[in-house]
Every structure is written in structure tokens, then in C-alpha cells.
PDB file of all heavy atoms in Angstrom:
ATOM      1  N   LEU A   1      41.089  92.263  38.579  1.00  0.00           N
ATOM      2  CA  LEU A   1      41.772  93.059  37.566  1.00  0.00           C
ATOM      3  C   LEU A   1      42.387  94.281  38.229  1.00  0.00           C
ATOM      4  O   LEU A   1      41.669  95.076  38.857  1.00  0.00           O
ATOM      5  CB  LEU A   1      40.816  93.507  36.465  1.00  0.00           C
ATOM      6  CG  LEU A   1      40.135  92.403  35.652  1.00  0.00           C
ATOM      7  CD1 LEU A   1      38.713  92.179  36.143  1.00  0.00           C
ATOM      8  CD2 LEU A   1      40.113  92.761  34.161  1.00  0.00           C
ATOM      9  N   ASP A   2      43.698  94.410  38.126  1.00  0.00           N
ATOM     10  CA  ASP A   2      44.422  95.604  38.570  1.00  0.00           C
ATOM     11  C   ASP A   2      44.959  96.275  37.315  1.00  0.00           C
ATOM     12  O   ASP A   2      45.959  95.824  36.738  1.00  0.00           O
ATOM     13  CB  ASP A   2      45.570  95.224  39.510  1.00  0.00           C
ATOM     14  CG  ASP A   2      45.095  94.488  40.762  1.00  0.00           C
ATOM     15  OD1 ASP A   2      43.976  94.771  41.219  1.00  0.00           O
ATOM     16  OD2 ASP A   2      45.830  93.617  41.256  1.00  0.00           O
ATOM     17  N   ILE A   3      44.306  97.336  36.890  1.00  0.00           N
ATOM     18  CA  ILE A   3      44.588  97.941  35.588  1.00  0.00           C
ATOM     19  C   ILE A   3      45.189  99.332  35.787  1.00  0.00           C
ATOM     20  O   ILE A   3      44.540 100.242  36.322  1.00  0.00           O
ATOM     21  CB  ILE A   3      43.306  98.038  34.733  1.00  0.00           C
ATOM     22  CG1 ILE A   3      42.593  96.676  34.674  1.00  0.00           C
ATOM     23  CG2 ILE A   3      43.643  98.562  33.351  1.00  0.00           C
ATOM     24  CD1 ILE A   3      43.407  95.566  34.042  1.00  0.00           C
ATOM     25  N   ALA A   4      46.433  99.488  35.356  1.00  0.00           N
ATOM     26  CA  ALA A   4      47.138 100.773  35.476  1.00  0.00           C
ATOM     27  C   ALA A   4      46.959 101.569  34.191  1.00  0.00           C
ATOM     28  O   ALA A   4      47.262 101.076  33.093  1.00  0.00           O
ATOM     29  CB  ALA A   4      48.617 100.536  35.749  1.00  0.00           C
ATOM     30  N   ILE A   5      46.474 102.786  34.335  1.00  0.00           N
ATOM     31  CA  ILE A   5      46.198 103.651  33.182  1.00  0.00           C
ATOM     32  C   ILE A   5      46.670 105.065  33.493  1.00  0.00           C
ATOM     33  O   ILE A   5      46.896 105.410  34.658  1.00  0.00           O
ATOM     34  CB  ILE A   5      44.687 103.661  32.840  1.00  0.00           C
ATOM     35  CG1 ILE A   5      43.877 104.132  34.059  1.00  0.00           C
ATOM     36  CG2 ILE A   5      44.242 102.288  32.376  1.00  0.00           C
ATOM     37  CD1 ILE A   5      42.391 104.273  33.786  1.00  0.00           C
ATOM     38  N   PRO A   6      46.838 105.913  32.477  1.00  0.00           N
ATOM     39  CA  PRO A   6      47.309 107.275  32.733  1.00  0.00           C
ATOM     40  C   PRO A   6      46.412 108.025  33.714  1.00  0.00           C
ATOM     41  O   PRO A   6      45.177 107.871  33.701  1.00  0.00           O
ATOM     42  CB  PRO A   6      47.281 107.915  31.347  1.00  0.00           C
ATOM     43  CG  PRO A   6      47.467 106.770  30.400  1.00  0.00           C
ATOM     44  CD  PRO A   6      46.721 105.634  31.034  1.00  0.00           C
ATOM     45  N   ASN A   7      47.041 108.820  34.561  1.00  0.00           N
ATOM     46  CA  ASN A   7      46.287 109.644  35.509  1.00  0.00           C
ATOM     47  C   ASN A   7      45.246 110.493  34.773  1.00  0.00           C
ATOM     48  O   ASN A   7      45.484 110.960  33.652  1.00  0.00           O
ATOM     49  CB  ASN A   7      47.231 110.569  36.291  1.00  0.00           C
ATOM     50  CG  ASN A   7      48.160 109.797  37.209  1.00  0.00           C
ATOM     51  OD1 ASN A   7      47.934 108.624  37.498  1.00  0.00           O
ATOM     52  ND2 ASN A   7      49.214 110.474  37.676  1.00  0.00           N
ATOM     53  N   GLY A   8      44.100 110.681  35.418  1.00  0.00           N
ATOM     54  CA  GLY A   8      43.037 111.491  34.832  1.00  0.00           C
ATOM     55  C   GLY A   8      41.984 110.668  34.124  1.00  0.00           C
ATOM     56  O   GLY A   8      40.939 111.199  33.751  1.00  0.00           O
ATOM     57  N   LEU A   9      42.272 109.378  33.934  1.00  0.00           N
ATOM     58  CA  LEU A   9      41.301 108.469  33.334  1.00  0.00           C
ATOM     59  C   LEU A   9      40.802 107.489  34.395  1.00  0.00           C
ATOM     60  O   LEU A   9      41.389 107.367  35.472  1.00  0.00           O
ATOM     61  CB  LEU A   9      41.925 107.698  32.167  1.00  0.00           C
ATOM     62  CG  LEU A   9      42.408 108.528  30.982  1.00  0.00           C
ATOM     63  CD1 LEU A   9      43.162 107.643  29.988  1.00  0.00           C
ATOM     64  CD2 LEU A   9      41.245 109.242  30.294  1.00  0.00           C
ATOM     65  N   MET A  10      39.725 106.800  34.088  1.00  0.00           N
ATOM     66  CA  MET A  10      39.149 105.812  34.988  1.00  0.00           C
ATOM     67  C   MET A  10      39.005 104.494  34.246  1.00  0.00           C
ATOM     68  O   MET A  10      38.651 104.478  33.064  1.00  0.00           O
ATOM     69  CB  MET A  10      37.766 106.278  35.469  1.00  0.00           C
ATOM     70  CG  MET A  10      37.048 105.291  36.387  1.00  0.00           C
ATOM     71  SD  MET A  10      35.314 105.771  36.711  1.00  0.00           S
ATOM     72  CE  MET A  10      35.534 107.333  37.550  1.00  0.00           C
ATOM     73  N   ASN A  11      39.315 103.393  34.907  1.00  0.00           N
ATOM     74  CA  ASN A  11      39.021 102.075  34.344  1.00  0.00           C
ATOM     75  C   ASN A  11      37.848 101.455  35.094  1.00  0.00           C
ATOM     76  O   ASN A  11      37.816 101.440  36.327  1.00  0.00           O
ATOM     77  CB  ASN A  11      40.211 101.131  34.437  1.00  0.00           C
ATOM     78  CG  ASN A  11      39.818  99.728  33.983  1.00  0.00           C
ATOM     79  OD1 ASN A  11      39.547  99.510  32.814  1.00  0.00           O
ATOM     80  ND2 ASN A  11      39.744  98.788  34.915  1.00  0.00           N
ATOM     81  N   VAL A  12      36.894 100.938  34.330  1.00  0.00           N
ATOM     82  CA  VAL A  12      35.745 100.231  34.892  1.00  0.00           C
ATOM     83  C   VAL A  12      35.788  98.800  34.383  1.00  0.00           C
ATOM     84  O   VAL A  12      35.809  98.566  33.171  1.00  0.00           O
ATOM     85  CB  VAL A  12      34.415 100.904  34.495  1.00  0.00           C
ATOM     86  CG1 VAL A  12      33.246 100.157  35.127  1.00  0.00           C
ATOM     87  CG2 VAL A  12      34.408 102.371  34.921  1.00  0.00           C
ATOM     88  N   SER A  13      35.811  97.855  35.303  1.00  0.00           N
ATOM     89  CA  SER A  13      35.834  96.438  34.945  1.00  0.00           C
ATOM     90  C   SER A  13      34.687  95.714  35.639  1.00  0.00           C
ATOM     91  O   SER A  13      33.807  96.333  36.229  1.00  0.00           O
ATOM     92  CB  SER A  13      37.187  95.815  35.311  1.00  0.00           C
ATOM     93  OG  SER A  13      38.219  96.318  34.480  1.00  0.00           O
ATOM     94  N   ASN A  14      34.724  94.405  35.592  1.00  0.00           N
ATOM     95  CA  ASN A  14      33.647  93.584  36.128  1.00  0.00           C
ATOM     96  C   ASN A  14      33.691  93.555  37.653  1.00  0.00           C
ATOM     97  O   ASN A  14      34.739  93.691  38.268  1.00  0.00           O
ATOM     98  CB  ASN A  14      33.772  92.155  35.603  1.00  0.00           C
ATOM     99  CG  ASN A  14      34.094  92.101  34.124  1.00  0.00           C
ATOM    100  OD1 ASN A  14      35.257  92.181  33.746  1.00  0.00           O
ATOM    101  ND2 ASN A  14      33.076  91.971  33.291  1.00  0.00           N
ATOM    102  N   GLY A  15      32.528  93.328  38.252  1.00  0.00           N
ATOM    103  CA  GLY A  15      32.448  93.113  39.685  1.00  0.00           C
ATOM    104  C   GLY A  15      32.437  94.394  40.489  1.00  0.00           C
ATOM    105  O   GLY A  15      32.019  95.455  40.025  1.00  0.00           O
ATOM    106  N   GLN A  16      32.923  94.273  41.729  1.00  0.00           N
ATOM    107  CA  GLN A  16      32.912  95.397  42.651  1.00  0.00           C
ATOM    108  C   GLN A  16      34.246  96.131  42.633  1.00  0.00           C
ATOM    109  O   GLN A  16      35.303  95.530  42.451  1.00  0.00           O
ATOM    110  CB  GLN A  16      32.609  94.905  44.073  1.00  0.00           C
ATOM    111  CG  GLN A  16      31.214  94.308  44.241  1.00  0.00           C
ATOM    112  CD  GLN A  16      30.111  95.350  44.215  1.00  0.00           C
ATOM    113  OE1 GLN A  16      30.364  96.555  44.152  1.00  0.00           O
ATOM    114  NE2 GLN A  16      28.867  94.894  44.249  1.00  0.00           N
ATOM    115  N   PHE A  17      34.182  97.431  42.830  1.00  0.00           N
ATOM    116  CA  PHE A  17      35.363  98.287  42.836  1.00  0.00           C
ATOM    117  C   PHE A  17      36.125  98.102  44.148  1.00  0.00           C
ATOM    118  O   PHE A  17      35.561  98.236  45.238  1.00  0.00           O
ATOM    119  CB  PHE A  17      34.936  99.747  42.661  1.00  0.00           C
ATOM    120  CG  PHE A  17      36.061 100.730  42.620  1.00  0.00           C
ATOM    121  CD1 PHE A  17      37.146 100.536  41.784  1.00  0.00           C
ATOM    122  CD2 PHE A  17      36.026 101.867  43.419  1.00  0.00           C
ATOM    123  CE1 PHE A  17      38.181 101.453  41.726  1.00  0.00           C
ATOM    124  CE2 PHE A  17      37.049 102.797  43.372  1.00  0.00           C
ATOM    125  CZ  PHE A  17      38.128 102.583  42.528  1.00  0.00           C
ATOM    126  N   LEU A  18      37.420  97.785  44.065  1.00  0.00           N
ATOM    127  CA  LEU A  18      38.254  97.591  45.248  1.00  0.00           C
ATOM    128  C   LEU A  18      38.998  98.852  45.647  1.00  0.00           C
ATOM    129  O   LEU A  18      39.390  99.012  46.808  1.00  0.00           O
ATOM    130  CB  LEU A  18      39.267  96.466  44.995  1.00  0.00           C
ATOM    131  CG  LEU A  18      38.705  95.073  44.687  1.00  0.00           C
ATOM    132  CD1 LEU A  18      39.846  94.080  44.484  1.00  0.00           C
ATOM    133  CD2 LEU A  18      37.766  94.611  45.785  1.00  0.00           C
ATOM    134  N   GLY A  19      39.243  99.734  44.668  1.00  0.00           N
ATOM    135  CA  GLY A  19      39.941 100.977  44.984  1.00  0.00           C
ATOM    136  C   GLY A  19      40.901 101.388  43.899  1.00  0.00           C
ATOM    137  O   GLY A  19      41.135 100.657  42.932  1.00  0.00           O
ATOM    138  N   GLU A  20      41.465 102.580  44.045  1.00  0.00           N
ATOM    139  CA  GLU A  20      42.441 103.107  43.101  1.00  0.00           C
ATOM    140  C   GLU A  20      43.714 103.478  43.844  1.00  0.00           C
ATOM    141  O   GLU A  20      43.688 103.828  45.028  1.00  0.00           O
ATOM    142  CB  GLU A  20      41.888 104.331  42.367  1.00  0.00           C
ATOM    143  CG  GLU A  20      41.509 105.481  43.292  1.00  0.00           C
ATOM    144  CD  GLU A  20      40.907 106.651  42.550  1.00  0.00           C
ATOM    145  OE1 GLU A  20      41.675 107.382  41.884  1.00  0.00           O
ATOM    146  OE2 GLU A  20      39.684 106.841  42.645  1.00  0.00           O
ATOM    147  N   LYS A  21      44.844 103.386  43.137  1.00  0.00           N
ATOM    148  CA  LYS A  21      46.135 103.646  43.760  1.00  0.00           C
ATOM    149  C   LYS A  21      47.015 104.404  42.782  1.00  0.00           C
ATOM    150  O   LYS A  21      47.290 103.930  41.676  1.00  0.00           O
ATOM    151  CB  LYS A  21      46.795 102.324  44.159  1.00  0.00           C
ATOM    152  CG  LYS A  21      48.176 102.465  44.770  1.00  0.00           C
ATOM    153  CD  LYS A  21      48.774 101.082  45.069  1.00  0.00           C
ATOM    154  CE  LYS A  21      50.171 101.188  45.639  1.00  0.00           C
ATOM    155  NZ  LYS A  21      50.760  99.833  45.879  1.00  0.00           N
ATOM    156  N   ASP A  22      47.456 105.587  43.189  1.00  0.00           N
ATOM    157  CA  ASP A  22      48.384 106.367  42.377  1.00  0.00           C
ATOM    158  C   ASP A  22      49.759 105.707  42.459  1.00  0.00           C
ATOM    159  O   ASP A  22      50.339 105.577  43.541  1.00  0.00           O
ATOM    160  CB  ASP A  22      48.452 107.813  42.884  1.00  0.00           C
ATOM    161  CG  ASP A  22      49.207 108.732  41.929  1.00  0.00           C
ATOM    162  OD1 ASP A  22      50.093 108.240  41.195  1.00  0.00           O
ATOM    163  OD2 ASP A  22      48.921 109.934  41.932  1.00  0.00           O
ATOM    164  N   LEU A  23      50.289 105.289  41.314  1.00  0.00           N
ATOM    165  CA  LEU A  23      51.561 104.567  41.289  1.00  0.00           C
ATOM    166  C   LEU A  23      52.773 105.494  41.300  1.00  0.00           C
ATOM    167  O   LEU A  23      53.913 105.035  41.366  1.00  0.00           O
ATOM    168  CB  LEU A  23      51.606 103.651  40.065  1.00  0.00           C
ATOM    169  CG  LEU A  23      50.495 102.584  39.993  1.00  0.00           C
ATOM    170  CD1 LEU A  23      50.629 101.765  38.713  1.00  0.00           C
ATOM    171  CD2 LEU A  23      50.507 101.682  41.220  1.00  0.00           C
ATOM    172  N   GLY A  24      52.520 106.789  41.210  1.00  0.00           N
ATOM    173  CA  GLY A  24      53.618 107.751  41.288  1.00  0.00           C
ATOM    174  C   GLY A  24      54.434 107.885  40.023  1.00  0.00           C
ATOM    175  O   GLY A  24      55.472 108.554  40.018  1.00  0.00           O
ATOM    176  N   ASN A  25      53.993 107.294  38.940  1.00  0.00           N
ATOM    177  CA  ASN A  25      54.726 107.352  37.676  1.00  0.00           C
ATOM    178  C   ASN A  25      53.863 107.860  36.530  1.00  0.00           C
ATOM    179  O   ASN A  25      54.122 107.570  35.362  1.00  0.00           O
ATOM    180  CB  ASN A  25      55.284 105.967  37.341  1.00  0.00           C
ATOM    181  CG  ASN A  25      54.184 104.910  37.209  1.00  0.00           C
ATOM    182  OD1 ASN A  25      53.005 105.206  37.453  1.00  0.00           O
ATOM    183  ND2 ASN A  25      54.549 103.699  36.847  1.00  0.00           N
ATOM    184  N   GLY A  26      52.808 108.601  36.898  1.00  0.00           N
ATOM    185  CA  GLY A  26      51.876 109.094  35.886  1.00  0.00           C
ATOM    186  C   GLY A  26      50.733 108.125  35.609  1.00  0.00           C
ATOM    187  O   GLY A  26      49.884 108.418  34.764  1.00  0.00           O
ATOM    188  N   PHE A  27      50.732 107.014  36.328  1.00  0.00           N
ATOM    189  CA  PHE A  27      49.681 106.018  36.143  1.00  0.00           C
ATOM    190  C   PHE A  27      48.966 105.758  37.468  1.00  0.00           C
ATOM    191  O   PHE A  27      49.563 105.838  38.541  1.00  0.00           O
ATOM    192  CB  PHE A  27      50.259 104.702  35.617  1.00  0.00           C
ATOM    193  CG  PHE A  27      50.598 104.732  34.145  1.00  0.00           C
ATOM    194  CD1 PHE A  27      51.722 105.420  33.695  1.00  0.00           C
ATOM    195  CD2 PHE A  27      49.793 104.092  33.225  1.00  0.00           C
ATOM    196  CE1 PHE A  27      52.041 105.457  32.344  1.00  0.00           C
ATOM    197  CE2 PHE A  27      50.096 104.117  31.870  1.00  0.00           C
ATOM    198  CZ  PHE A  27      51.218 104.802  31.425  1.00  0.00           C
ATOM    199  N   THR A  28      47.666 105.446  37.357  1.00  0.00           N
ATOM    200  CA  THR A  28      46.851 105.046  38.507  1.00  0.00           C
ATOM    201  C   THR A  28      46.305 103.648  38.259  1.00  0.00           C
ATOM    202  O   THR A  28      45.853 103.341  37.155  1.00  0.00           O
ATOM    203  CB  THR A  28      45.679 106.023  38.724  1.00  0.00           C
ATOM    204  OG1 THR A  28      46.213 107.321  39.002  1.00  0.00           O
ATOM    205  CG2 THR A  28      44.796 105.582  39.882  1.00  0.00           C
ATOM    206  N   GLU A  29      46.377 102.808  39.299  1.00  0.00           N
ATOM    207  CA  GLU A  29      45.886 101.430  39.185  1.00  0.00           C
ATOM    208  C   GLU A  29      44.464 101.358  39.740  1.00  0.00           C
ATOM    209  O   GLU A  29      44.203 101.749  40.873  1.00  0.00           O
ATOM    210  CB  GLU A  29      46.800 100.485  39.959  1.00  0.00           C
ATOM    211  CG  GLU A  29      46.424  99.013  39.821  1.00  0.00           C
ATOM    212  CD  GLU A  29      47.414  98.120  40.528  1.00  0.00           C
ATOM    213  OE1 GLU A  29      47.337  98.009  41.775  1.00  0.00           O
ATOM    214  OE2 GLU A  29      48.299  97.546  39.845  1.00  0.00           O
ATOM    215  N   TRP A  30      43.567 100.844  38.895  1.00  0.00           N
ATOM    216  CA  TRP A  30      42.156 100.676  39.266  1.00  0.00           C
ATOM    217  C   TRP A  30      41.888  99.186  39.433  1.00  0.00           C
ATOM    218  O   TRP A  30      42.152  98.399  38.523  1.00  0.00           O
ATOM    219  CB  TRP A  30      41.251 101.267  38.190  1.00  0.00           C
ATOM    220  CG  TRP A  30      41.441 102.751  38.011  1.00  0.00           C
ATOM    221  CD1 TRP A  30      42.460 103.380  37.349  1.00  0.00           C
ATOM    222  CD2 TRP A  30      40.598 103.777  38.531  1.00  0.00           C
ATOM    223  NE1 TRP A  30      42.310 104.736  37.412  1.00  0.00           N
ATOM    224  CE2 TRP A  30      41.167 105.022  38.132  1.00  0.00           C
ATOM    225  CE3 TRP A  30      39.422 103.785  39.270  1.00  0.00           C
ATOM    226  CZ2 TRP A  30      40.587 106.241  38.464  1.00  0.00           C
ATOM    227  CZ3 TRP A  30      38.844 105.000  39.602  1.00  0.00           C
ATOM    228  CH2 TRP A  30      39.421 106.227  39.205  1.00  0.00           C
ATOM    229  N   SER A  31      41.352  98.794  40.592  1.00  0.00           N
ATOM    230  CA  SER A  31      41.193  97.380  40.914  1.00  0.00           C
ATOM    231  C   SER A  31      39.712  97.010  41.063  1.00  0.00           C
ATOM    232  O   SER A  31      38.938  97.715  41.727  1.00  0.00           O
ATOM    233  CB  SER A  31      41.934  97.036  42.205  1.00  0.00           C
ATOM    234  OG  SER A  31      43.327  97.234  42.050  1.00  0.00           O
ATOM    235  N   TRP A  32      39.367  95.892  40.449  1.00  0.00           N
ATOM    236  CA  TRP A  32      38.003  95.369  40.468  1.00  0.00           C
ATOM    237  C   TRP A  32      38.056  93.864  40.696  1.00  0.00           C
ATOM    238  O   TRP A  32      39.038  93.212  40.347  1.00  0.00           O
ATOM    239  CB  TRP A  32      37.291  95.645  39.137  1.00  0.00           C
ATOM    240  CG  TRP A  32      37.127  97.096  38.823  1.00  0.00           C
ATOM    241  CD1 TRP A  32      38.071  97.946  38.323  1.00  0.00           C
ATOM    242  CD2 TRP A  32      35.946  97.876  39.013  1.00  0.00           C
ATOM    243  NE1 TRP A  32      37.562  99.206  38.175  1.00  0.00           N
ATOM    244  CE2 TRP A  32      36.252  99.197  38.585  1.00  0.00           C
ATOM    245  CE3 TRP A  32      34.664  97.592  39.481  1.00  0.00           C
ATOM    246  CZ2 TRP A  32      35.303 100.217  38.623  1.00  0.00           C
ATOM    247  CZ3 TRP A  32      33.721  98.613  39.520  1.00  0.00           C
ATOM    248  CH2 TRP A  32      34.040  99.912  39.098  1.00  0.00           C
ATOM    249  N   LYS A  33      36.975  93.316  41.261  1.00  0.00           N
ATOM    250  CA  LYS A  33      36.959  91.882  41.519  1.00  0.00           C
ATOM    251  C   LYS A  33      35.545  91.323  41.409  1.00  0.00           C
ATOM    252  O   LYS A  33      34.592  91.903  41.918  1.00  0.00           O
ATOM    253  CB  LYS A  33      37.506  91.589  42.921  1.00  0.00           C
ATOM    254  CG  LYS A  33      37.608  90.099  43.250  1.00  0.00           C
ATOM    255  CD  LYS A  33      38.209  89.882  44.633  1.00  0.00           C
ATOM    256  CE  LYS A  33      38.320  88.394  44.938  1.00  0.00           C
ATOM    257  NZ  LYS A  33      38.911  88.158  46.289  1.00  0.00           N
ATOM    258  N   THR A  34      35.452  90.173  40.718  1.00  0.00           N
ATOM    259  CA  THR A  34      34.191  89.426  40.673  1.00  0.00           C
ATOM    260  C   THR A  34      34.279  88.252  41.644  1.00  0.00           C
ATOM    261  O   THR A  34      35.367  87.720  41.902  1.00  0.00           O
ATOM    262  CB  THR A  34      33.911  88.865  39.271  1.00  0.00           C
ATOM    263  OG1 THR A  34      34.872  87.835  38.972  1.00  0.00           O
ATOM    264  CG2 THR A  34      33.992  89.944  38.206  1.00  0.00           C
ATOM    265  N   VAL A  35      33.120  87.842  42.149  1.00  0.00           N
ATOM    266  CA  VAL A  35      33.079  86.674  43.034  1.00  0.00           C
ATOM    267  C   VAL A  35      32.152  85.596  42.482  1.00  0.00           C
ATOM    268  O   VAL A  35      31.808  84.658  43.184  1.00  0.00           O
ATOM    269  CB  VAL A  35      32.657  87.066  44.468  1.00  0.00           C
ATOM    270  CG1 VAL A  35      33.694  87.973  45.098  1.00  0.00           C
ATOM    271  CG2 VAL A  35      31.278  87.714  44.475  1.00  0.00           C
ATOM    272  N   ASN A  36      31.759  85.761  41.229  1.00  0.00           N
ATOM    273  CA  ASN A  36      30.927  84.774  40.545  1.00  0.00           C
ATOM    274  C   ASN A  36      31.664  84.249  39.313  1.00  0.00           C
ATOM    275  O   ASN A  36      32.513  84.948  38.748  1.00  0.00           O
ATOM    276  CB  ASN A  36      29.597  85.404  40.107  1.00  0.00           C
ATOM    277  CG  ASN A  36      28.651  85.612  41.269  1.00  0.00           C
ATOM    278  OD1 ASN A  36      28.148  84.663  41.859  1.00  0.00           O
ATOM    279  ND2 ASN A  36      28.401  86.878  41.618  1.00  0.00           N
ATOM    280  N   PRO A  37      31.336  83.024  38.873  1.00  0.00           N
ATOM    281  CA  PRO A  37      31.940  82.514  37.635  1.00  0.00           C
ATOM    282  C   PRO A  37      31.673  83.467  36.479  1.00  0.00           C
ATOM    283  O   PRO A  37      30.599  84.077  36.392  1.00  0.00           O
ATOM    284  CB  PRO A  37      31.230  81.167  37.431  1.00  0.00           C
ATOM    285  CG  PRO A  37      30.683  80.796  38.760  1.00  0.00           C
ATOM    286  CD  PRO A  37      30.369  82.085  39.454  1.00  0.00           C
ATOM    287  N   ILE A  38      32.633  83.568  35.553  1.00  0.00           N
ATOM    288  CA  ILE A  38      32.513  84.546  34.463  1.00  0.00           C
ATOM    289  C   ILE A  38      33.160  83.989  33.196  1.00  0.00           C
ATOM    290  O   ILE A  38      34.236  83.393  33.240  1.00  0.00           O
ATOM    291  CB  ILE A  38      33.139  85.900  34.875  1.00  0.00           C
ATOM    292  CG1 ILE A  38      32.961  86.962  33.781  1.00  0.00           C
ATOM    293  CG2 ILE A  38      34.598  85.739  35.274  1.00  0.00           C
ATOM    294  CD1 ILE A  38      33.352  88.367  34.238  1.00  0.00           C
ATOM    295  N   ASN A  39      32.494  84.196  32.067  1.00  0.00           N
ATOM    296  CA  ASN A  39      33.049  83.797  30.768  1.00  0.00           C
ATOM    297  C   ASN A  39      34.327  84.584  30.490  1.00  0.00           C
ATOM    298  O   ASN A  39      34.434  85.761  30.832  1.00  0.00           O
ATOM    299  CB  ASN A  39      32.064  84.101  29.628  1.00  0.00           C
ATOM    300  CG  ASN A  39      30.781  83.313  29.723  1.00  0.00           C
ATOM    301  OD1 ASN A  39      30.740  82.253  30.339  1.00  0.00           O
ATOM    302  ND2 ASN A  39      29.732  83.833  29.128  1.00  0.00           N
TER     303      ASN A  39
END
């Protein structure tokens, strides 16, 4: 999951945190990844 949200907020998703990236447009992308099967 690569989820772009307004700067100043945090997105938490499933699995391990891969990192955050400032997109330069007022949004930051938060990336997460699971390595197990998931509903």
C-alpha cells in the first residue's frame, strides 16, 4: 500500500513500514507491505 495523504498526518497500514516520501505537492506517501496471505 502506497498511500498519499496531506502532510502532517500519518498513514498506518498492514505489515511492515517501508518508508515515507514527500511528494512535493502537499502530500506525503506512506508505504507498507505484508508478506503473508491476507483477507
